[in-house]
Amino acid sequence: MSKTIVIFITTSSRDEAKKIGQLLVEENLVACCNIIQSIESIFKWQGSLHHEEEVLMICKTREDLFNTVEKRVRQLHSYEVPEIIALPIIQGSKNYLDWVAQETGHIQ
């Protein structure tokens, strides 16, 4: 069985996050996408320091879907280099992890 992961994606706006999140769920690429508004990001881009307000997406899916999710997000995202990073879920409710697998097309 594929491991469950959490993917963090930052976007420029709530509307962009909602659009990407909805499509990822509709396409069964992620089981759930939480949207957290108004985070402040500090980073360097093309040699300049930036302070930007962004929106954070937290998506739950299977590890074997990461590359497909990344490709789909790149198609939809407004950033030239969007943040798309994954972390493993090392512990979780079996019922919840089973639900994530079911919603992303993995039959147990």
Foldseek 3Di string as FASTA:
>chain_A
DFFKKKKKWKAQDPVLQVVLQVVCLVQLLFVHKDKAFFDWDWDDDPRDIDTGTIIMIITMAGPVSLVVSVVSCCVRGPDPDIRIDMDTDPDDDPVVRCSGCVSSPHDD
